[in-house]
Amino acid sequence: MWSLSLPALSAPTLVLGTAAGYALATVGMKLSAQGHMATGLALAIAGFLAAFAAEILLMRRAELSVVYLAIIAAETLLVLGYASWIGEGLSLRQALGAGMVLAGLAVVAV
């Protein structure tokens, strides 16, 4: 049977790795939507593979509910940062709403 084994990485590192993988896949999907299909598809595949590997390692150490919330919070921040970088930032109202969602995730995760 196939087994995934990598050097021992801390849980926060794996959370960030998983979130970064999903964020990279999102960037790939955005590029594909803009007509850059080959580059977008390559980034999406690479991102999903990275997220898949990191999340498997992470789930060996922590409960799914806590892991999932941490990944969602980190991914949200990464994707919002990318959106802002490409000029698709949030309005004040949207930013306040996003802040409330992230605060709620933090409360549930603790």
Protein backbone atom coordinates (compact mmCIF):
# COMPACT_ATOMS: atom_id res chain seq x y z
CA MET A 1 0.00 0.00 0.00
CA TRP A 2 1.18 3.50 -0.81
CA SER A 3 2.14 5.68 2.13
CA LEU A 4 2.81 9.39 2.31
CA SER A 5 5.81 10.18 4.43
CA LEU A 6 7.61 13.49 4.64
CA PRO A 7 9.89 15.01 7.25
CA ALA A 8 8.14 15.85 10.51
CA LEU A 9 6.46 19.22 10.13
CA SER A 10 4.61 21.14 12.81
CA ALA A 11 0.83 21.38 12.72
CA PRO A 12 0.86 25.16 12.05
CA THR A 13 3.24 24.59 9.13
CA LEU A 14 0.92 21.94 7.71
CA VAL A 15 -2.13 24.20 8.17
CA LEU A 16 -0.36 26.97 6.26
CA GLY A 17 0.82 24.48 3.62
CA THR A 18 -2.71 23.18 3.12
CA ALA A 19 -4.17 26.69 2.98
CA ALA A 20 -1.46 27.82 0.57
CA GLY A 21 -2.20 24.85 -1.66
CA TYR A 22 -5.91 25.66 -1.78
CA ALA A 23 -5.12 29.35 -2.35
CA LEU A 24 -2.78 28.44 -5.22
CA ALA A 25 -5.56 26.34 -6.73
CA THR A 26 -7.87 29.35 -6.45
CA VAL A 27 -5.34 31.51 -8.27
CA GLY A 28 -5.22 28.84 -10.96
CA MET A 29 -8.99 28.85 -11.29
CA LYS A 30 -9.00 32.66 -11.54
CA LEU A 31 -6.36 32.54 -14.29
CA SER A 32 -8.35 29.86 -16.12
CA ALA A 33 -11.46 32.04 -15.89
CA GLN A 34 -9.47 34.88 -17.48
CA GLY A 35 -8.48 32.70 -20.44
CA HIS A 36 -5.06 31.47 -19.27
CA MET A 37 -6.18 27.85 -19.27
CA ALA A 38 -2.82 26.01 -19.38
CA THR A 39 -1.19 28.09 -16.64
CA GLY A 40 -4.35 28.10 -14.56
CA LEU A 41 -4.80 24.36 -14.83
CA ALA A 42 -1.17 23.73 -13.89
CA LEU A 43 -1.45 25.96 -10.82
CA ALA A 44 -4.77 24.42 -9.79
CA ILE A 45 -3.41 20.88 -10.04
CA ALA A 46 -0.22 21.77 -8.18
CA GLY A 47 -2.20 23.58 -5.49
CA PHE A 48 -4.67 20.75 -4.97
CA LEU A 49 -1.86 18.16 -4.82
CA ALA A 50 0.05 20.23 -2.25
CA ALA A 51 -3.09 20.76 -0.16
CA PHE A 52 -3.97 17.07 -0.39
CA ALA A 53 -0.55 15.94 0.85
CA ALA A 54 -0.33 18.51 3.65
CA GLU A 55 -3.87 17.86 4.84
CA ILE A 56 -3.34 14.10 5.00
CA LEU A 57 -0.30 14.62 7.21
CA LEU A 58 -2.20 17.13 9.31
CA MET A 59 -5.19 14.84 9.86
CA ARG A 60 -2.87 12.21 11.31
CA ARG A 61 -2.18 14.61 14.19
CA ALA A 62 -5.29 16.65 14.83
CA GLU A 63 -9.06 16.46 14.87
CA LEU A 64 -10.81 17.22 11.60
CA SER A 65 -13.03 19.95 13.07
CA VAL A 66 -10.09 21.99 14.40
CA VAL A 67 -7.97 21.35 11.31
CA TYR A 68 -10.73 22.38 8.95
CA LEU A 69 -11.44 25.66 10.72
CA ALA A 70 -7.77 26.60 10.86
CA ILE A 71 -7.32 25.83 7.16
CA ILE A 72 -10.40 27.83 6.18
CA ALA A 73 -9.23 30.85 8.18
CA ALA A 74 -5.71 30.76 6.73
CA GLU A 75 -6.94 30.16 3.18
CA THR A 76 -9.42 33.01 3.47
CA LEU A 77 -6.67 35.44 4.46
CA LEU A 78 -4.42 34.25 1.63
CA VAL A 79 -7.13 34.49 -1.02
CA LEU A 80 -8.28 37.91 0.22
CA GLY A 81 -4.68 39.08 0.05
CA TYR A 82 -4.40 37.84 -3.53
CA ALA A 83 -7.71 39.47 -4.46
CA SER A 84 -6.49 42.76 -3.08
CA TRP A 85 -3.17 42.39 -4.93
CA ILE A 86 -4.93 41.96 -8.29
CA GLY A 87 -7.24 44.89 -7.62
CA GLU A 88 -10.32 43.00 -6.47
CA GLY A 89 -10.23 44.12 -2.86
CA LEU A 90 -13.18 44.30 -0.51
CA SER A 91 -15.34 47.28 0.28
CA LEU A 92 -15.42 48.43 3.89
CA ARG A 93 -18.69 46.58 4.45
CA GLN A 94 -17.33 43.37 2.94
CA ALA A 95 -14.11 43.66 4.95
CA LEU A 96 -16.08 44.08 8.18
CA GLY A 97 -18.18 41.03 7.30
CA ALA A 98 -15.07 39.00 6.52
CA GLY A 99 -13.58 40.09 9.83
CA MET A 100 -16.68 38.85 11.65
CA VAL A 101 -16.52 35.51 9.87
CA LEU A 102 -12.83 35.10 10.76
CA ALA A 103 -13.52 36.13 14.37
CA GLY A 104 -16.29 33.53 14.51
CA LEU A 105 -13.94 30.87 13.18
CA ALA A 106 -11.40 31.80 15.84
CA VAL A 107 -14.01 31.51 18.58
CA VAL A 108 -15.21 28.09 17.38
CA ALA A 109 -11.67 26.76 16.88
CA VAL A 110 -10.53 27.58 20.43
